[in-house]
């Protein structure tokens, strides 16, 4: 028996060249690893989002470790596009949810306006 928790990466960019490079890299992975990636075009502003899905594995199992490594690699790949001033053409987040609760594990998004400024 083990803990079930899900971790995934979500990244959005306007930089089609960078996203194209990531798509090419994904094609070098095994078919099983490729199946965890989804690329979704935005409706405006030329943005596109990649989603690296959770493995479905319990924590600590071999598949969990393999996909954690895959998350680390994709985040490192995204960070290659960071600018000298620390900004990036990507906004990204790695989140965890499940039996550990929910939380942002890593990301590059800063709250520059405050949640109260987001009015629907």
PDB file of N, CA and C in Angstrom:
ATOM      1  N   UNK A   1       0.848  -1.174   0.000  1.00  0.00           N
ATOM      2  CA  UNK A   1       0.000   0.000   0.000  1.00  0.00           C
ATOM      3  C   UNK A   1       0.892   1.235   0.000  1.00  0.00           C
ATOM      4  N   UNK A   2       0.475   2.268  -0.670  1.00  0.00           N
ATOM      5  CA  UNK A   2       1.287   3.471  -0.726  1.00  0.00           C
ATOM      6  C   UNK A   2       0.426   4.706  -0.858  1.00  0.00           C
ATOM      7  N   UNK A   3       1.083   5.830  -0.763  1.00  0.00           N
ATOM      8  CA  UNK A   3       0.411   7.124  -0.861  1.00  0.00           C
ATOM      9  C   UNK A   3       0.156   7.451  -2.324  1.00  0.00           C
ATOM     10  N   UNK A   4      -1.038   7.920  -2.603  1.00  0.00           N
ATOM     11  CA  UNK A   4      -1.366   8.375  -3.947  1.00  0.00           C
ATOM     12  C   UNK A   4      -1.394   9.902  -3.956  1.00  0.00           C
ATOM     13  N   UNK A   5      -0.472  10.468  -4.687  1.00  0.00           N
ATOM     14  CA  UNK A   5      -0.417  11.918  -4.872  1.00  0.00           C
ATOM     15  C   UNK A   5      -0.059  12.153  -6.331  1.00  0.00           C
ATOM     16  N   UNK A   6      -0.532  13.210  -6.886  1.00  0.00           N
ATOM     17  CA  UNK A   6      -0.304  13.522  -8.293  1.00  0.00           C
ATOM     18  C   UNK A   6       0.554  14.768  -8.401  1.00  0.00           C
ATOM     19  N   UNK A   7       1.530  14.733  -9.270  1.00  0.00           N
ATOM     20  CA  UNK A   7       2.315  15.921  -9.579  1.00  0.00           C
ATOM     21  C   UNK A   7       2.310  16.120 -11.080  1.00  0.00           C
ATOM     22  N   UNK A   8       2.162  17.373 -11.499  1.00  0.00           N
ATOM     23  CA  UNK A   8       2.150  17.673 -12.926  1.00  0.00           C
ATOM     24  C   UNK A   8       2.802  19.033 -13.164  1.00  0.00           C
ATOM     25  N   UNK A   9       3.142  19.284 -14.417  1.00  0.00           N
ATOM     26  CA  UNK A   9       3.729  20.564 -14.824  1.00  0.00           C
ATOM     27  C   UNK A   9       2.812  21.181 -15.869  1.00  0.00           C
ATOM     28  N   UNK A  10       2.559  22.478 -15.703  1.00  0.00           N
ATOM     29  CA  UNK A  10       1.788  23.255 -16.665  1.00  0.00           C
ATOM     30  C   UNK A  10       2.643  24.459 -17.038  1.00  0.00           C
ATOM     31  N   UNK A  11       2.850  24.684 -18.326  1.00  0.00           N
ATOM     32  CA  UNK A  11       3.675  25.806 -18.786  1.00  0.00           C
ATOM     33  C   UNK A  11       3.030  26.446 -20.009  1.00  0.00           C
ATOM     34  N   UNK A  12       2.994  27.777 -20.016  1.00  0.00           N
ATOM     35  CA  UNK A  12       2.388  28.531 -21.117  1.00  0.00           C
ATOM     36  C   UNK A  12       3.406  29.524 -21.657  1.00  0.00           C
ATOM     37  N   UNK A  13       3.422  29.697 -22.981  1.00  0.00           N
ATOM     38  CA  UNK A  13       4.321  30.666 -23.603  1.00  0.00           C
ATOM     39  C   UNK A  13       3.719  31.211 -24.885  1.00  0.00           C
ATOM     40  N   UNK A  14       4.217  32.357 -25.269  1.00  0.00           N
ATOM     41  CA  UNK A  14       3.910  32.963 -26.570  1.00  0.00           C
ATOM     42  C   UNK A  14       5.013  32.623 -27.568  1.00  0.00           C
ATOM     43  N   UNK A  15       6.121  32.053 -27.075  1.00  0.00           N
ATOM     44  CA  UNK A  15       7.303  31.799 -27.897  1.00  0.00           C
ATOM     45  C   UNK A  15       7.145  30.476 -28.648  1.00  0.00           C
ATOM     46  N   UNK A  16       6.649  30.562 -29.878  1.00  0.00           N
ATOM     47  CA  UNK A  16       6.378  29.346 -30.648  1.00  0.00           C
ATOM     48  C   UNK A  16       7.659  28.577 -30.993  1.00  0.00           C
ATOM     49  N   UNK A  17       8.769  29.283 -31.155  1.00  0.00           N
ATOM     50  CA  UNK A  17      10.037  28.594 -31.439  1.00  0.00           C
ATOM     51  C   UNK A  17      10.457  27.737 -30.244  1.00  0.00           C
ATOM     52  N   UNK A  18      10.364  28.309 -29.047  1.00  0.00           N
ATOM     53  CA  UNK A  18      10.723  27.559 -27.839  1.00  0.00           C
ATOM     54  C   UNK A  18       9.804  26.355 -27.661  1.00  0.00           C
ATOM     55  N   UNK A  19       8.516  26.554 -27.858  1.00  0.00           N
ATOM     56  CA  UNK A  19       7.569  25.451 -27.700  1.00  0.00           C
ATOM     57  C   UNK A  19       7.828  24.392 -28.772  1.00  0.00           C
ATOM     58  N   UNK A  20       8.159  24.818 -29.973  1.00  0.00           N
ATOM     59  CA  UNK A  20       8.499  23.870 -31.032  1.00  0.00           C
ATOM     60  C   UNK A  20       9.710  23.033 -30.672  1.00  0.00           C
ATOM     61  N   UNK A  21      10.708  23.660 -30.047  1.00  0.00           N
ATOM     62  CA  UNK A  21      11.899  22.926 -29.611  1.00  0.00           C
ATOM     63  C   UNK A  21      11.537  21.889 -28.544  1.00  0.00           C
ATOM     64  N   UNK A  22      10.656  22.267 -27.639  1.00  0.00           N
ATOM     65  CA  UNK A  22      10.224  21.332 -26.600  1.00  0.00           C
ATOM     66  C   UNK A  22       9.458  20.168 -27.224  1.00  0.00           C
ATOM     67  N   UNK A  23       8.607  20.460 -28.194  1.00  0.00           N
ATOM     68  CA  UNK A  23       7.874  19.386 -28.875  1.00  0.00           C
ATOM     69  C   UNK A  23       8.839  18.419 -29.560  1.00  0.00           C
ATOM     70  N   UNK A  24       9.887  18.956 -30.166  1.00  0.00           N
ATOM     71  CA  UNK A  24      10.884  18.095 -30.809  1.00  0.00           C
ATOM     72  C   UNK A  24      11.580  17.222 -29.776  1.00  0.00           C
ATOM     73  N   UNK A  25      11.896  17.794 -28.615  1.00  0.00           N
ATOM     74  CA  UNK A  25      12.525  17.029 -27.544  1.00  0.00           C
ATOM     75  C   UNK A  25      11.590  15.913 -27.067  1.00  0.00           C
ATOM     76  N   UNK A  26      10.313  16.227 -26.909  1.00  0.00           N
ATOM     77  CA  UNK A  26       9.350  15.222 -26.456  1.00  0.00           C
ATOM     78  C   UNK A  26       9.323  14.038 -27.423  1.00  0.00           C
ATOM     79  N   UNK A  27       9.490  14.312 -28.721  1.00  0.00           N
ATOM     80  CA  UNK A  27       9.482  13.233 -29.709  1.00  0.00           C
ATOM     81  C   UNK A  27      10.668  12.277 -29.568  1.00  0.00           C
ATOM     82  N   UNK A  28      11.703  12.687 -28.828  1.00  0.00           N
ATOM     83  CA  UNK A  28      12.855  11.814 -28.589  1.00  0.00           C
ATOM     84  C   UNK A  28      12.618  10.852 -27.427  1.00  0.00           C
ATOM     85  N   UNK A  29      11.542  11.057 -26.695  1.00  0.00           N
ATOM     86  CA  UNK A  29      11.229  10.222 -25.533  1.00  0.00           C
ATOM     87  C   UNK A  29      10.544   8.929 -25.959  1.00  0.00           C
ATOM     88  N   UNK A  30      10.441   8.013 -25.040  1.00  0.00           N
ATOM     89  CA  UNK A  30       9.722   6.778 -25.325  1.00  0.00           C
ATOM     90  C   UNK A  30       8.249   7.095 -25.572  1.00  0.00           C
ATOM     91  N   UNK A  31       7.583   6.179 -26.248  1.00  0.00           N
ATOM     92  CA  UNK A  31       6.155   6.371 -26.530  1.00  0.00           C
ATOM     93  C   UNK A  31       5.360   6.528 -25.233  1.00  0.00           C
ATOM     94  N   UNK A  32       5.726   5.771 -24.220  1.00  0.00           N
ATOM     95  CA  UNK A  32       5.046   5.845 -22.926  1.00  0.00           C
ATOM     96  C   UNK A  32       5.227   7.234 -22.309  1.00  0.00           C
ATOM     97  N   UNK A  33       6.442   7.773 -22.353  1.00  0.00           N
ATOM     98  CA  UNK A  33       6.697   9.112 -21.809  1.00  0.00           C
ATOM     99  C   UNK A  33       5.988  10.177 -22.632  1.00  0.00           C
ATOM    100  N   UNK A  34       6.017  10.042 -23.948  1.00  0.00           N
ATOM    101  CA  UNK A  34       5.343  11.006 -24.815  1.00  0.00           C
ATOM    102  C   UNK A  34       3.858  11.103 -24.493  1.00  0.00           C
ATOM    103  N   UNK A  35       3.258   9.982 -24.105  1.00  0.00           N
ATOM    104  CA  UNK A  35       1.817   9.966 -23.846  1.00  0.00           C
ATOM    105  C   UNK A  35       1.421  10.851 -22.668  1.00  0.00           C
ATOM    106  N   UNK A  36       2.370  11.238 -21.832  1.00  0.00           N
ATOM    107  CA  UNK A  36       2.081  12.099 -20.688  1.00  0.00           C
ATOM    108  C   UNK A  36       2.002  13.587 -21.059  1.00  0.00           C
ATOM    109  N   UNK A  37       2.437  13.940 -22.265  1.00  0.00           N
ATOM    110  CA  UNK A  37       2.463  15.343 -22.692  1.00  0.00           C
ATOM    111  C   UNK A  37       1.258  15.687 -23.551  1.00  0.00           C
ATOM    112  N   UNK A  38       0.689  16.853 -23.289  1.00  0.00           N
ATOM    113  CA  UNK A  38      -0.379  17.406 -24.112  1.00  0.00           C
ATOM    114  C   UNK A  38      -0.002  18.853 -24.412  1.00  0.00           C
ATOM    115  N   UNK A  39      -0.176  19.275 -25.650  1.00  0.00           N
ATOM    116  CA  UNK A  39       0.081  20.652 -26.070  1.00  0.00           C
ATOM    117  C   UNK A  39      -1.236  21.252 -26.555  1.00  0.00           C
ATOM    118  N   UNK A  40      -1.604  22.401 -25.992  1.00  0.00           N
ATOM    119  CA  UNK A  40      -2.893  23.006 -26.301  1.00  0.00           C
ATOM    120  C   UNK A  40      -2.686  24.455 -26.746  1.00  0.00           C
ATOM    121  N   UNK A  41      -3.135  24.799 -27.960  1.00  0.00           N
ATOM    122  CA  UNK A  41      -3.024  26.194 -28.400  1.00  0.00           C
ATOM    123  C   UNK A  41      -4.047  27.068 -27.675  1.00  0.00           C
ATOM    124  N   UNK A  42      -3.647  28.289 -27.364  1.00  0.00           N
ATOM    125  CA  UNK A  42      -4.575  29.244 -26.784  1.00  0.00           C
ATOM    126  C   UNK A  42      -5.498  29.791 -27.865  1.00  0.00           C
ATOM    127  N   UNK A  43      -6.548  30.450 -27.446  1.00  0.00           N
ATOM    128  CA  UNK A  43      -7.491  31.023 -28.401  1.00  0.00           C
ATOM    129  C   UNK A  43      -7.048  32.390 -28.907  1.00  0.00           C
ATOM    130  N   UNK A  44      -6.195  33.081 -28.145  1.00  0.00           N
ATOM    131  CA  UNK A  44      -5.721  34.401 -28.561  1.00  0.00           C
ATOM    132  C   UNK A  44      -4.252  34.582 -28.183  1.00  0.00           C
ATOM    133  N   UNK A  45      -3.675  35.622 -28.696  1.00  0.00           N
ATOM    134  CA  UNK A  45      -2.319  36.066 -28.349  1.00  0.00           C
ATOM    135  C   UNK A  45      -1.219  35.071 -28.702  1.00  0.00           C
ATOM    136  N   UNK A  46      -1.504  34.073 -29.522  1.00  0.00           N
ATOM    137  CA  UNK A  46      -0.487  33.136 -29.970  1.00  0.00           C
ATOM    138  C   UNK A  46       0.131  32.304 -28.866  1.00  0.00           C
ATOM    139  N   UNK A  47      -0.572  32.152 -27.757  1.00  0.00           N
ATOM    140  CA  UNK A  47      -0.020  31.368 -26.648  1.00  0.00           C
ATOM    141  C   UNK A  47      -0.333  29.893 -26.815  1.00  0.00           C
ATOM    142  N   UNK A  48       0.532  29.088 -26.212  1.00  0.00           N
ATOM    143  CA  UNK A  48       0.339  27.643 -26.212  1.00  0.00           C
ATOM    144  C   UNK A  48       0.730  27.117 -24.833  1.00  0.00           C
ATOM    145  N   UNK A  49       0.039  26.087 -24.386  1.00  0.00           N
ATOM    146  CA  UNK A  49       0.289  25.513 -23.073  1.00  0.00           C
ATOM    147  C   UNK A  49       0.672  24.051 -23.217  1.00  0.00           C
ATOM    148  N   UNK A  50       1.699  23.656 -22.461  1.00  0.00           N
ATOM    149  CA  UNK A  50       2.035  22.244 -22.369  1.00  0.00           C
ATOM    150  C   UNK A  50       1.610  21.756 -21.001  1.00  0.00           C
ATOM    151  N   UNK A  51       1.198  20.522 -20.981  1.00  0.00           N
ATOM    152  CA  UNK A  51       0.780  19.856 -19.754  1.00  0.00           C
ATOM    153  C   UNK A  51       1.517  18.536 -19.677  1.00  0.00           C
ATOM    154  N   UNK A  52       2.255  18.337 -18.605  1.00  0.00           N
ATOM    155  CA  UNK A  52       2.900  17.055 -18.335  1.00  0.00           C
ATOM    156  C   UNK A  52       2.085  16.391 -17.237  1.00  0.00           C
ATOM    157  N   UNK A  53       1.337  15.376 -17.593  1.00  0.00           N
ATOM    158  CA  UNK A  53       0.399  14.720 -16.690  1.00  0.00           C
ATOM    159  C   UNK A  53       1.107  13.905 -15.608  1.00  0.00           C
ATOM    160  N   UNK A  54       0.402  13.641 -14.515  1.00  0.00           N
ATOM    161  CA  UNK A  54       0.943  12.762 -13.483  1.00  0.00           C
ATOM    162  C   UNK A  54       1.124  11.339 -14.015  1.00  0.00           C
ATOM    163  N   UNK A  55       1.981  10.578 -13.359  1.00  0.00           N
ATOM    164  CA  UNK A  55       2.258   9.200 -13.785  1.00  0.00           C
ATOM    165  C   UNK A  55       1.132   8.241 -13.410  1.00  0.00           C
ATOM    166  N   UNK A  56       0.388   8.559 -12.367  1.00  0.00           N
ATOM    167  CA  UNK A  56      -0.613   7.636 -11.858  1.00  0.00           C
ATOM    168  C   UNK A  56      -0.040   6.644 -10.861  1.00  0.00           C
ATOM    169  N   UNK A  57       1.262   6.690 -10.659  1.00  0.00           N
ATOM    170  CA  UNK A  57       1.948   5.765  -9.771  1.00  0.00           C
ATOM    171  C   UNK A  57       1.846   6.221  -8.318  1.00  0.00           C
ATOM    172  N   UNK A  58       1.976   5.283  -7.425  1.00  0.00           N
ATOM    173  CA  UNK A  58       2.061   5.629  -6.003  1.00  0.00           C
ATOM    174  C   UNK A  58       3.450   6.196  -5.723  1.00  0.00           C
ATOM    175  N   UNK A  59       3.541   7.017  -4.673  1.00  0.00           N
ATOM    176  CA  UNK A  59       4.803   7.678  -4.321  1.00  0.00           C
ATOM    177  C   UNK A  59       5.881   6.648  -4.004  1.00  0.00           C
ATOM    178  N   UNK A  60       7.075   6.896  -4.572  1.00  0.00           N
ATOM    179  CA  UNK A  60       8.230   6.058  -4.300  1.00  0.00           C
ATOM    180  C   UNK A  60       8.384   4.860  -5.218  1.00  0.00           C
ATOM    181  N   UNK A  61       7.366   4.552  -6.001  1.00  0.00           N
ATOM    182  CA  UNK A  61       7.470   3.430  -6.922  1.00  0.00           C
ATOM    183  C   UNK A  61       8.348   3.834  -8.104  1.00  0.00           C
ATOM    184  N   UNK A  62       8.838   2.860  -8.852  1.00  0.00           N
ATOM    185  CA  UNK A  62       9.761   3.139  -9.952  1.00  0.00           C
ATOM    186  C   UNK A  62       9.188   4.141 -10.957  1.00  0.00           C
ATOM    187  N   UNK A  63       7.922   3.962 -11.348  1.00  0.00           N
ATOM    188  CA  UNK A  63       7.323   4.867 -12.324  1.00  0.00           C
ATOM    189  C   UNK A  63       7.238   6.283 -11.767  1.00  0.00           C
ATOM    190  N   UNK A  64       6.937   6.413 -10.484  1.00  0.00           N
ATOM    191  CA  UNK A  64       6.897   7.730  -9.846  1.00  0.00           C
ATOM    192  C   UNK A  64       8.263   8.404  -9.950  1.00  0.00           C
ATOM    193  N   UNK A  65       9.316   7.658  -9.700  1.00  0.00           N
ATOM    194  CA  UNK A  65      10.675   8.203  -9.775  1.00  0.00           C
ATOM    195  C   UNK A  65      11.043   8.593 -11.207  1.00  0.00           C
ATOM    196  N   UNK A  66      10.641   7.763 -12.173  1.00  0.00           N
ATOM    197  CA  UNK A  66      10.938   8.060 -13.577  1.00  0.00           C
ATOM    198  C   UNK A  66      10.247   9.347 -14.032  1.00  0.00           C
ATOM    199  N   UNK A  67       8.992   9.513 -13.659  1.00  0.00           N
ATOM    200  CA  UNK A  67       8.254  10.695 -14.105  1.00  0.00           C
ATOM    201  C   UNK A  67       8.682  11.932 -13.315  1.00  0.00           C
ATOM    202  N   UNK A  68       9.120  11.768 -12.069  1.00  0.00           N
ATOM    203  CA  UNK A  68       9.693  12.904 -11.342  1.00  0.00           C
ATOM    204  C   UNK A  68      10.919  13.412 -12.092  1.00  0.00           C
ATOM    205  N   UNK A  69      11.742  12.475 -12.558  1.00  0.00           N
ATOM    206  CA  UNK A  69      12.923  12.862 -13.343  1.00  0.00           C
ATOM    207  C   UNK A  69      12.500  13.590 -14.619  1.00  0.00           C
ATOM    208  N   UNK A  70      11.446  13.124 -15.252  1.00  0.00           N
ATOM    209  CA  UNK A  70      10.930  13.772 -16.460  1.00  0.00           C
ATOM    210  C   UNK A  70      10.453  15.193 -16.153  1.00  0.00           C
ATOM    211  N   UNK A  71       9.782  15.383 -15.012  1.00  0.00           N
ATOM    212  CA  UNK A  71       9.357  16.741 -14.609  1.00  0.00           C
ATOM    213  C   UNK A  71      10.572  17.634 -14.378  1.00  0.00           C
ATOM    214  N   UNK A  72      11.590  17.096 -13.715  1.00  0.00           N
ATOM    215  CA  UNK A  72      12.813  17.872 -13.478  1.00  0.00           C
ATOM    216  C   UNK A  72      13.464  18.287 -14.802  1.00  0.00           C
ATOM    217  N   UNK A  73      13.496  17.367 -15.748  1.00  0.00           N
ATOM    218  CA  UNK A  73      14.126  17.653 -17.042  1.00  0.00           C
ATOM    219  C   UNK A  73      13.332  18.704 -17.809  1.00  0.00           C
ATOM    220  N   UNK A  74      12.007  18.588 -17.869  1.00  0.00           N
ATOM    221  CA  UNK A  74      11.219  19.575 -18.627  1.00  0.00           C
ATOM    222  C   UNK A  74      11.321  20.951 -17.976  1.00  0.00           C
ATOM    223  N   UNK A  75      11.355  21.018 -16.662  1.00  0.00           N
ATOM    224  CA  UNK A  75      11.508  22.312 -15.987  1.00  0.00           C
ATOM    225  C   UNK A  75      12.884  22.892 -16.298  1.00  0.00           C
ATOM    226  N   UNK A  76      13.917  22.076 -16.280  1.00  0.00           N
ATOM    227  CA  UNK A  76      15.263  22.549 -16.649  1.00  0.00           C
ATOM    228  C   UNK A  76      15.285  23.048 -18.087  1.00  0.00           C
ATOM    229  N   UNK A  77      14.605  22.343 -18.967  1.00  0.00           N
ATOM    230  CA  UNK A  77      14.541  22.730 -20.382  1.00  0.00           C
ATOM    231  C   UNK A  77      13.840  24.080 -20.518  1.00  0.00           C
ATOM    232  N   UNK A  78      12.731  24.265 -19.814  1.00  0.00           N
ATOM    233  CA  UNK A  78      11.999  25.539 -19.849  1.00  0.00           C
ATOM    234  C   UNK A  78      12.888  26.675 -19.338  1.00  0.00           C
ATOM    235  N   UNK A  79      13.638  26.405 -18.277  1.00  0.00           N
ATOM    236  CA  UNK A  79      14.502  27.434 -17.681  1.00  0.00           C
ATOM    237  C   UNK A  79      15.631  27.863 -18.612  1.00  0.00           C
ATOM    238  N   UNK A  80      15.968  27.037 -19.601  1.00  0.00           N
ATOM    239  CA  UNK A  80      16.982  27.432 -20.587  1.00  0.00           C
ATOM    240  C   UNK A  80      16.581  28.708 -21.330  1.00  0.00           C
ATOM    241  N   UNK A  81      15.295  28.978 -21.386  1.00  0.00           N
ATOM    242  CA  UNK A  81      14.789  30.149 -22.101  1.00  0.00           C
ATOM    243  C   UNK A  81      14.676  31.387 -21.215  1.00  0.00           C
ATOM    244  N   UNK A  82      15.061  31.276 -19.939  1.00  0.00           N
ATOM    245  CA  UNK A  82      15.036  32.446 -19.056  1.00  0.00           C
ATOM    246  C   UNK A  82      15.966  33.529 -19.589  1.00  0.00           C
ATOM    247  N   UNK A  83      15.556  34.765 -19.414  1.00  0.00           N
ATOM    248  CA  UNK A  83      16.370  35.908 -19.815  1.00  0.00           C
ATOM    249  C   UNK A  83      17.365  36.243 -18.708  1.00  0.00           C
ATOM    250  N   UNK A  84      18.343  37.062 -19.047  1.00  0.00           N
ATOM    251  CA  UNK A  84      19.380  37.443 -18.073  1.00  0.00           C
ATOM    252  C   UNK A  84      18.803  38.101 -16.827  1.00  0.00           C
ATOM    253  N   UNK A  85      17.698  38.836 -16.980  1.00  0.00           N
ATOM    254  CA  UNK A  85      17.108  39.529 -15.828  1.00  0.00           C
ATOM    255  C   UNK A  85      16.234  38.611 -14.968  1.00  0.00           C
ATOM    256  N   UNK A  86      16.176  37.317 -15.318  1.00  0.00           N
ATOM    257  CA  UNK A  86      15.399  36.359 -14.549  1.00  0.00           C
ATOM    258  C   UNK A  86      13.977  36.158 -15.053  1.00  0.00           C
ATOM    259  N   UNK A  87      13.527  37.010 -15.958  1.00  0.00           N
ATOM    260  CA  UNK A  87      12.193  36.818 -16.519  1.00  0.00           C
ATOM    261  C   UNK A  87      12.234  35.701 -17.558  1.00  0.00           C
ATOM    262  N   UNK A  88      11.083  35.335 -18.071  1.00  0.00           N
ATOM    263  CA  UNK A  88      11.015  34.192 -18.974  1.00  0.00           C
ATOM    264  C   UNK A  88       9.855  34.357 -19.947  1.00  0.00           C
ATOM    265  N   UNK A  89       9.967  33.790 -21.147  1.00  0.00           N
ATOM    266  CA  UNK A  89       8.816  33.775 -22.045  1.00  0.00           C
ATOM    267  C   UNK A  89       7.777  32.737 -21.600  1.00  0.00           C
ATOM    268  N   UNK A  90       8.126  31.915 -20.624  1.00  0.00           N
ATOM    269  CA  UNK A  90       7.221  30.914 -20.072  1.00  0.00           C
ATOM    270  C   UNK A  90       6.698  31.357 -18.719  1.00  0.00           C
ATOM    271  N   UNK A  91       5.465  31.047 -18.439  1.00  0.00           N
ATOM    272  CA  UNK A  91       4.963  31.008 -17.065  1.00  0.00           C
ATOM    273  C   UNK A  91       4.686  29.534 -16.801  1.00  0.00           C
ATOM    274  N   UNK A  92       5.175  29.053 -15.682  1.00  0.00           N
ATOM    275  CA  UNK A  92       5.039  27.620 -15.427  1.00  0.00           C
ATOM    276  C   UNK A  92       4.857  27.332 -13.946  1.00  0.00           C
ATOM    277  N   UNK A  93       4.283  26.175 -13.689  1.00  0.00           N
ATOM    278  CA  UNK A  93       4.063  25.742 -12.323  1.00  0.00           C
ATOM    279  C   UNK A  93       4.088  24.219 -12.275  1.00  0.00           C
ATOM    280  N   UNK A  94       4.646  23.708 -11.195  1.00  0.00           N
ATOM    281  CA  UNK A  94       4.551  22.276 -10.891  1.00  0.00           C
ATOM    282  C   UNK A  94       3.662  22.185  -9.659  1.00  0.00           C
ATOM    283  N   UNK A  95       2.607  21.418  -9.761  1.00  0.00           N
ATOM    284  CA  UNK A  95       1.670  21.310  -8.648  1.00  0.00           C
ATOM    285  C   UNK A  95       1.555  19.867  -8.193  1.00  0.00           C
ATOM    286  N   UNK A  96       1.209  19.719  -6.937  1.00  0.00           N
ATOM    287  CA  UNK A  96       0.940  18.413  -6.360  1.00  0.00           C
ATOM    288  C   UNK A  96      -0.442  18.428  -5.729  1.00  0.00           C
ATOM    289  N   UNK A  97      -1.156  17.323  -5.890  1.00  0.00           N
ATOM    290  CA  UNK A  97      -2.491  17.227  -5.303  1.00  0.00           C
ATOM    291  C   UNK A  97      -2.838  15.765  -5.082  1.00  0.00           C
ATOM    292  N   UNK A  98      -3.574  15.520  -4.029  1.00  0.00           N
ATOM    293  CA  UNK A  98      -3.940  14.142  -3.701  1.00  0.00           C
ATOM    294  C   UNK A  98      -3.897  13.946  -2.199  1.00  0.00           C
ATOM    295  N   UNK A  99      -3.348  12.817  -1.778  1.00  0.00           N
ATOM    296  CA  UNK A  99      -3.354  12.486  -0.354  1.00  0.00           C
ATOM    297  C   UNK A  99      -2.415  13.369   0.474  1.00  0.00           C
ATOM    298  N   UNK A 100      -1.530  14.104  -0.182  1.00  0.00           N
ATOM    299  CA  UNK A 100      -0.697  15.081   0.539  1.00  0.00           C
ATOM    300  C   UNK A 100      -1.386  16.438   0.603  1.00  0.00           C
ATOM    301  N   UNK A 101      -2.589  16.539   0.074  1.00  0.00           N
ATOM    302  CA  UNK A 101      -3.270  17.827  -0.007  1.00  0.00           C
ATOM    303  C   UNK A 101      -2.985  18.437  -1.368  1.00  0.00           C
ATOM    304  N   UNK A 102      -2.922  19.761  -1.409  1.00  0.00           N
ATOM    305  CA  UNK A 102      -2.636  20.438  -2.669  1.00  0.00           C
ATOM    306  C   UNK A 102      -1.675  21.591  -2.422  1.00  0.00           C
ATOM    307  N   UNK A 103      -0.718  21.752  -3.340  1.00  0.00           N
ATOM    308  CA  UNK A 103       0.186  22.886  -3.209  1.00  0.00           C
ATOM    309  C   UNK A 103       1.015  23.060  -4.475  1.00  0.00           C
ATOM    310  N   UNK A 104       1.523  24.266  -4.610  1.00  0.00           N
ATOM    311  CA  UNK A 104       2.465  24.560  -5.676  1.00  0.00           C
ATOM    312  C   UNK A 104       3.825  24.074  -5.196  1.00  0.00           C
ATOM    313  N   UNK A 105       4.447  23.200  -5.966  1.00  0.00           N
ATOM    314  CA  UNK A 105       5.750  22.649  -5.600  1.00  0.00           C
ATOM    315  C   UNK A 105       6.878  23.550  -6.076  1.00  0.00           C
ATOM    316  N   UNK A 106       6.746  24.052  -7.308  1.00  0.00           N
ATOM    317  CA  UNK A 106       7.725  24.967  -7.896  1.00  0.00           C
ATOM    318  C   UNK A 106       7.003  25.805  -8.938  1.00  0.00           C
ATOM    319  N   UNK A 107       7.612  26.902  -9.313  1.00  0.00           N
ATOM    320  CA  UNK A 107       7.061  27.718 -10.382  1.00  0.00           C
ATOM    321  C   UNK A 107       7.811  29.025 -10.500  1.00  0.00           C
ATOM    322  N   UNK A 108       7.482  29.770 -11.543  1.00  0.00           N
ATOM    323  CA  UNK A 108       8.144  31.058 -11.737  1.00  0.00           C
ATOM    324  C   UNK A 108       7.163  32.225 -11.733  1.00  0.00           C
ATOM    325  N   UNK A 109       5.954  31.997 -11.250  1.00  0.00           N
ATOM    326  CA  UNK A 109       4.935  33.043 -11.264  1.00  0.00           C
ATOM    327  C   UNK A 109       4.920  33.783  -9.930  1.00  0.00           C
ATOM    328  N   UNK A 110       4.942  35.096 -10.024  1.00  0.00           N
ATOM    329  CA  UNK A 110       4.883  35.933  -8.833  1.00  0.00           C
ATOM    330  C   UNK A 110       3.558  36.682  -8.824  1.00  0.00           C
ATOM    331  N   UNK A 111       2.979  36.852  -7.652  1.00  0.00           N
ATOM    332  CA  UNK A 111       1.737  37.598  -7.511  1.00  0.00           C
ATOM    333  C   UNK A 111       2.084  39.086  -7.531  1.00  0.00           C
ATOM    334  N   UNK A 112       1.921  39.718  -8.685  1.00  0.00           N
ATOM    335  CA  UNK A 112       2.304  41.124  -8.816  1.00  0.00           C
ATOM    336  C   UNK A 112       1.134  42.068  -8.590  1.00  0.00           C
ATOM    337  N   UNK A 113      -0.069  41.539  -8.549  1.00  0.00           N
ATOM    338  CA  UNK A 113      -1.236  42.405  -8.366  1.00  0.00           C
ATOM    339  C   UNK A 113      -2.022  42.097  -7.111  1.00  0.00           C
ATOM    340  N   UNK A 114      -1.948  40.915  -6.602  1.00  0.00           N
ATOM    341  CA  UNK A 114      -2.747  40.508  -5.450  1.00  0.00           C
ATOM    342  C   UNK A 114      -4.030  39.861  -5.923  1.00  0.00           C
ATOM    343  N   UNK A 115      -4.432  38.816  -5.219  1.00  0.00           N
ATOM    344  CA  UNK A 115      -5.629  38.078  -5.601  1.00  0.00           C
ATOM    345  C   UNK A 115      -6.871  38.942  -5.618  1.00  0.00           C
ATOM    346  N   UNK A 116      -6.941  39.920  -4.730  1.00  0.00           N
ATOM    347  CA  UNK A 116      -8.137  40.749  -4.649  1.00  0.00           C
ATOM    348  C   UNK A 116      -8.348  41.606  -5.897  1.00  0.00           C
ATOM    349  N   UNK A 117      -7.308  41.770  -6.696  1.00  0.00           N
ATOM    350  CA  UNK A 117      -7.436  42.558  -7.932  1.00  0.00           C
ATOM    351  C   UNK A 117      -8.042  41.761  -9.065  1.00  0.00           C
ATOM    352  N   UNK A 118      -8.213  40.471  -8.869  1.00  0.00           N
ATOM    353  CA  UNK A 118      -8.772  39.631  -9.929  1.00  0.00           C
ATOM    354  C   UNK A 118     -10.283  39.563  -9.731  1.00  0.00           C
ATOM    355  N   UNK A 119     -10.980  40.368 -10.486  1.00  0.00           N
ATOM    356  CA  UNK A 119     -12.437  40.420 -10.378  1.00  0.00           C
ATOM    357  C   UNK A 119     -13.064  39.727 -11.583  1.00  0.00           C
ATOM    358  N   UNK A 120     -14.024  38.902 -11.321  1.00  0.00           N
ATOM    359  CA  UNK A 120     -14.715  38.197 -12.412  1.00  0.00           C
ATOM    360  C   UNK A 120     -15.996  38.915 -12.755  1.00  0.00           C
TER     361      UNK A 120
END
